[in-house]
Amino acid sequence: MLKSLAIGACLMLLSACATTPTAPAKTPTAAAKLPAGCVGQTASRIPVKEGECAGFGSSYSHQDIENTGQLDAAKALAEMDPSVRVGR
């Protein structure tokens, strides 16, 4: 009896760990309100009010880089923004 109870508890823990929580829906409205050259979200954990700039410059998502079809990040960035120069 104790063995079957322990196995059942382990299976419940495994099934609880196997489920992934759903990500909250992202609202594109905040990004649409920002002026050009204004980054609305950065990797820092400093809170930023909606509609304010967290930083200045350009940001590209992984999906943006994947959509270029380039295999090299330097070529992908140069394709998206001609002002980006990569030197060695």
N, C-alpha and C. Protein backbone atom coordinates (compact mmCIF):
# COMPACT_ATOMS: atom_id res chain seq x y z
N MET A 1 0.82 -1.20 0.00
CA MET A 1 0.00 0.00 0.00
C MET A 1 0.86 1.26 0.00
N LEU A 2 1.89 1.27 0.85
CA LEU A 2 2.77 2.43 0.94
C LEU A 2 3.55 2.63 -0.36
N LYS A 3 3.93 1.51 -0.98
CA LYS A 3 4.67 1.58 -2.24
C LYS A 3 3.81 2.20 -3.34
N SER A 4 2.56 1.81 -3.45
CA SER A 4 1.68 2.35 -4.49
C SER A 4 1.36 3.82 -4.21
N LEU A 5 1.27 4.20 -2.94
CA LEU A 5 1.04 5.59 -2.59
C LEU A 5 2.25 6.45 -2.98
N ALA A 6 3.45 5.95 -2.73
CA ALA A 6 4.67 6.68 -3.09
C ALA A 6 4.79 6.81 -4.61
N ILE A 7 4.48 5.76 -5.33
CA ILE A 7 4.53 5.82 -6.80
C ILE A 7 3.51 6.82 -7.32
N GLY A 8 2.32 6.82 -6.76
CA GLY A 8 1.29 7.76 -7.17
C GLY A 8 1.70 9.21 -6.91
N ALA A 9 2.32 9.44 -5.76
CA ALA A 9 2.77 10.80 -5.43
C ALA A 9 3.87 11.25 -6.40
N CYS A 10 4.78 10.34 -6.74
CA CYS A 10 5.84 10.68 -7.70
C CYS A 10 5.26 10.99 -9.07
N LEU A 11 4.30 10.21 -9.50
CA LEU A 11 3.67 10.46 -10.80
C LEU A 11 2.94 11.80 -10.82
N MET A 12 2.31 12.15 -9.72
CA MET A 12 1.63 13.45 -9.65
C MET A 12 2.64 14.59 -9.73
N LEU A 13 3.76 14.45 -9.05
CA LEU A 13 4.80 15.49 -9.10
C LEU A 13 5.38 15.61 -10.50
N LEU A 14 5.61 14.48 -11.15
CA LEU A 14 6.15 14.52 -12.51
C LEU A 14 5.17 15.16 -13.48
N SER A 15 3.91 14.86 -13.35
CA SER A 15 2.93 15.45 -14.26
C SER A 15 2.76 16.95 -14.00
N ALA A 16 2.91 17.36 -12.75
CA ALA A 16 2.82 18.79 -12.43
C ALA A 16 4.02 19.54 -12.99
N CYS A 17 5.19 18.92 -12.98
CA CYS A 17 6.39 19.56 -13.51
C CYS A 17 6.41 19.57 -15.03
N ALA A 18 5.71 18.63 -15.64
CA ALA A 18 5.74 18.53 -17.10
C ALA A 18 4.85 19.57 -17.77
N THR A 19 3.91 20.12 -17.06
CA THR A 19 3.04 21.13 -17.67
C THR A 19 3.76 22.46 -17.70
N THR A 20 3.60 23.19 -18.77
CA THR A 20 4.23 24.50 -18.89
C THR A 20 3.17 25.58 -18.75
N PRO A 21 3.45 26.61 -17.99
CA PRO A 21 2.48 27.69 -17.86
C PRO A 21 2.38 28.48 -19.16
N THR A 22 1.23 29.00 -19.43
CA THR A 22 1.05 29.81 -20.63
C THR A 22 1.63 31.19 -20.40
N ALA A 23 2.26 31.71 -21.42
CA ALA A 23 2.86 33.04 -21.32
C ALA A 23 1.77 34.10 -21.39
N PRO A 24 1.91 35.19 -20.67
CA PRO A 24 0.91 36.24 -20.76
C PRO A 24 0.92 36.86 -22.15
N ALA A 25 -0.23 37.28 -22.58
CA ALA A 25 -0.36 37.87 -23.91
C ALA A 25 0.37 39.21 -23.96
N LYS A 26 1.15 39.40 -25.00
CA LYS A 26 1.87 40.66 -25.16
C LYS A 26 0.98 41.64 -25.90
N THR A 27 0.99 42.86 -25.44
CA THR A 27 0.18 43.88 -26.09
C THR A 27 1.06 44.73 -26.98
N PRO A 28 0.79 44.73 -28.28
CA PRO A 28 1.61 45.52 -29.19
C PRO A 28 1.31 47.01 -29.12
N THR A 29 0.32 47.41 -28.34
CA THR A 29 -0.05 48.82 -28.29
C THR A 29 1.03 49.68 -27.65
N ALA A 30 1.74 49.13 -26.64
CA ALA A 30 2.78 49.92 -25.98
C ALA A 30 3.94 50.20 -26.93
N ALA A 31 4.30 49.23 -27.75
CA ALA A 31 5.39 49.43 -28.70
C ALA A 31 4.98 50.39 -29.81
N ALA A 32 3.72 50.42 -30.16
CA ALA A 32 3.26 51.29 -31.23
C ALA A 32 3.26 52.76 -30.81
N LYS A 33 3.17 53.05 -29.52
CA LYS A 33 3.09 54.42 -29.04
C LYS A 33 4.47 55.08 -28.91
N LEU A 34 5.54 54.30 -28.95
CA LEU A 34 6.87 54.82 -28.74
C LEU A 34 7.41 55.48 -30.00
N PRO A 35 8.15 56.58 -29.85
CA PRO A 35 8.73 57.22 -31.03
C PRO A 35 9.89 56.39 -31.59
N ALA A 36 10.29 56.69 -32.81
CA ALA A 36 11.38 55.97 -33.44
C ALA A 36 12.66 56.17 -32.65
N GLY A 37 13.45 55.11 -32.52
CA GLY A 37 14.70 55.19 -31.78
C GLY A 37 14.53 55.01 -30.29
N CYS A 38 13.34 54.73 -29.84
CA CYS A 38 13.05 54.56 -28.41
C CYS A 38 12.77 53.08 -28.14
N VAL A 39 13.51 52.51 -27.22
CA VAL A 39 13.34 51.11 -26.85
C VAL A 39 12.46 51.06 -25.61
N GLY A 40 11.37 50.33 -25.68
CA GLY A 40 10.43 50.30 -24.57
C GLY A 40 10.75 49.31 -23.48
N GLN A 41 11.62 48.33 -23.77
CA GLN A 41 11.91 47.31 -22.77
C GLN A 41 13.37 46.90 -22.92
N THR A 42 14.07 46.79 -21.79
CA THR A 42 15.46 46.37 -21.81
C THR A 42 15.63 45.16 -20.90
N ALA A 43 16.82 44.64 -20.84
CA ALA A 43 17.09 43.47 -20.00
C ALA A 43 17.21 43.85 -18.52
N SER A 44 17.34 45.12 -18.21
CA SER A 44 17.39 45.52 -16.81
C SER A 44 16.01 45.35 -16.20
N ARG A 45 15.96 45.21 -14.95
CA ARG A 45 14.67 45.01 -14.28
C ARG A 45 14.12 46.29 -13.70
N ILE A 46 14.58 47.40 -14.21
CA ILE A 46 14.09 48.69 -13.75
C ILE A 46 12.74 48.93 -14.40
N PRO A 47 11.69 49.14 -13.61
CA PRO A 47 10.37 49.35 -14.19
C PRO A 47 10.30 50.65 -14.99
N VAL A 48 9.60 50.60 -16.10
CA VAL A 48 9.42 51.76 -16.97
C VAL A 48 7.93 51.97 -17.15
N LYS A 49 7.50 53.21 -17.05
CA LYS A 49 6.09 53.52 -17.25
C LYS A 49 5.71 53.29 -18.71
N GLU A 50 4.47 52.94 -18.93
CA GLU A 50 3.99 52.68 -20.28
C GLU A 50 4.11 53.95 -21.12
N GLY A 51 4.68 53.80 -22.30
CA GLY A 51 4.84 54.93 -23.19
C GLY A 51 6.14 55.68 -23.03
N GLU A 52 6.96 55.32 -22.01
CA GLU A 52 8.25 55.97 -21.81
C GLU A 52 9.37 55.13 -22.41
N CYS A 53 10.47 55.77 -22.70
CA CYS A 53 11.63 55.08 -23.27
C CYS A 53 12.47 54.47 -22.15
N ALA A 54 12.81 53.20 -22.31
CA ALA A 54 13.72 52.55 -21.37
C ALA A 54 15.15 52.78 -21.82
N GLY A 55 15.32 53.07 -23.08
CA GLY A 55 16.64 53.32 -23.65
C GLY A 55 16.47 53.84 -25.06
N PHE A 56 17.57 54.21 -25.66
CA PHE A 56 17.52 54.73 -27.02
C PHE A 56 18.38 53.87 -27.92
N GLY A 57 17.94 53.68 -29.13
CA GLY A 57 18.67 52.86 -30.09
C GLY A 57 17.69 51.97 -30.82
N SER A 58 18.17 50.85 -31.27
CA SER A 58 17.34 49.89 -31.99
C SER A 58 17.42 48.55 -31.30
N SER A 59 16.35 47.81 -31.35
CA SER A 59 16.37 46.45 -30.82
C SER A 59 15.72 45.53 -31.83
N TYR A 60 16.26 44.34 -31.92
CA TYR A 60 15.75 43.34 -32.85
C TYR A 60 15.52 42.05 -32.09
N SER A 61 14.40 41.43 -32.34
CA SER A 61 14.10 40.17 -31.66
C SER A 61 14.75 39.02 -32.42
N HIS A 62 14.77 37.88 -31.78
CA HIS A 62 15.30 36.67 -32.43
C HIS A 62 14.50 36.38 -33.70
N GLN A 63 13.20 36.60 -33.63
CA GLN A 63 12.35 36.34 -34.80
C GLN A 63 12.69 37.29 -35.94
N ASP A 64 13.01 38.55 -35.64
CA ASP A 64 13.42 39.50 -36.68
C ASP A 64 14.67 39.00 -37.40
N ILE A 65 15.63 38.50 -36.63
CA ILE A 65 16.88 38.01 -37.22
C ILE A 65 16.61 36.74 -38.03
N GLU A 66 15.77 35.86 -37.51
CA GLU A 66 15.43 34.63 -38.24
C GLU A 66 14.73 34.94 -39.56
N ASN A 67 13.91 35.97 -39.59
CA ASN A 67 13.15 36.32 -40.79
C ASN A 67 14.02 36.81 -41.94
N THR A 68 15.26 37.22 -41.66
CA THR A 68 16.14 37.67 -42.74
C THR A 68 16.63 36.50 -43.58
N GLY A 69 16.68 35.31 -43.00
CA GLY A 69 17.16 34.14 -43.72
C GLY A 69 18.67 34.01 -43.71
N GLN A 70 19.36 34.92 -43.09
CA GLN A 70 20.83 34.86 -43.01
C GLN A 70 21.25 33.86 -41.94
N LEU A 71 22.38 33.21 -42.17
CA LEU A 71 22.90 32.26 -41.19
C LEU A 71 23.85 32.92 -40.20
N ASP A 72 24.33 34.10 -40.52
CA ASP A 72 25.28 34.83 -39.69
C ASP A 72 24.58 36.06 -39.10
N ALA A 73 24.73 36.27 -37.80
CA ALA A 73 24.07 37.41 -37.14
C ALA A 73 24.56 38.74 -37.70
N ALA A 74 25.84 38.82 -38.04
CA ALA A 74 26.38 40.08 -38.57
C ALA A 74 25.72 40.42 -39.91
N LYS A 75 25.55 39.43 -40.76
CA LYS A 75 24.90 39.68 -42.06
C LYS A 75 23.43 40.02 -41.87
N ALA A 76 22.77 39.36 -40.91
CA ALA A 76 21.36 39.65 -40.66
C ALA A 76 21.17 41.07 -40.15
N LEU A 77 22.02 41.51 -39.23
CA LEU A 77 21.92 42.87 -38.71
C LEU A 77 22.22 43.90 -39.78
N ALA A 78 23.22 43.63 -40.62
CA ALA A 78 23.55 44.55 -41.70
C ALA A 78 22.41 44.64 -42.71
N GLU A 79 21.68 43.55 -42.90
CA GLU A 79 20.54 43.55 -43.82
C GLU A 79 19.38 44.35 -43.25
N MET A 80 19.16 44.25 -41.94
CA MET A 80 18.05 44.96 -41.31
C MET A 80 18.35 46.44 -41.13
N ASP A 81 19.59 46.77 -40.83
CA ASP A 81 19.98 48.14 -40.58
C ASP A 81 21.32 48.41 -41.26
N PRO A 82 21.33 49.11 -42.39
CA PRO A 82 22.59 49.34 -43.11
C PRO A 82 23.62 50.13 -42.32
N SER A 83 23.22 50.82 -41.27
CA SER A 83 24.19 51.59 -40.48
C SER A 83 25.01 50.69 -39.55
N VAL A 84 24.62 49.43 -39.39
CA VAL A 84 25.36 48.48 -38.55
C VAL A 84 26.56 47.98 -39.34
N ARG A 85 27.74 48.11 -38.75
CA ARG A 85 28.97 47.63 -39.40
C ARG A 85 29.66 46.69 -38.43
N VAL A 86 30.07 45.56 -38.95
CA VAL A 86 30.75 44.57 -38.13
C VAL A 86 32.18 44.45 -38.64
N GLY A 87 33.13 44.68 -37.77
CA GLY A 87 34.53 44.57 -38.13
C GLY A 87 35.20 43.48 -37.34
N ARG A 88 36.31 43.01 -37.86
CA ARG A 88 37.04 41.95 -37.14
C ARG A 88 38.41 42.43 -36.81
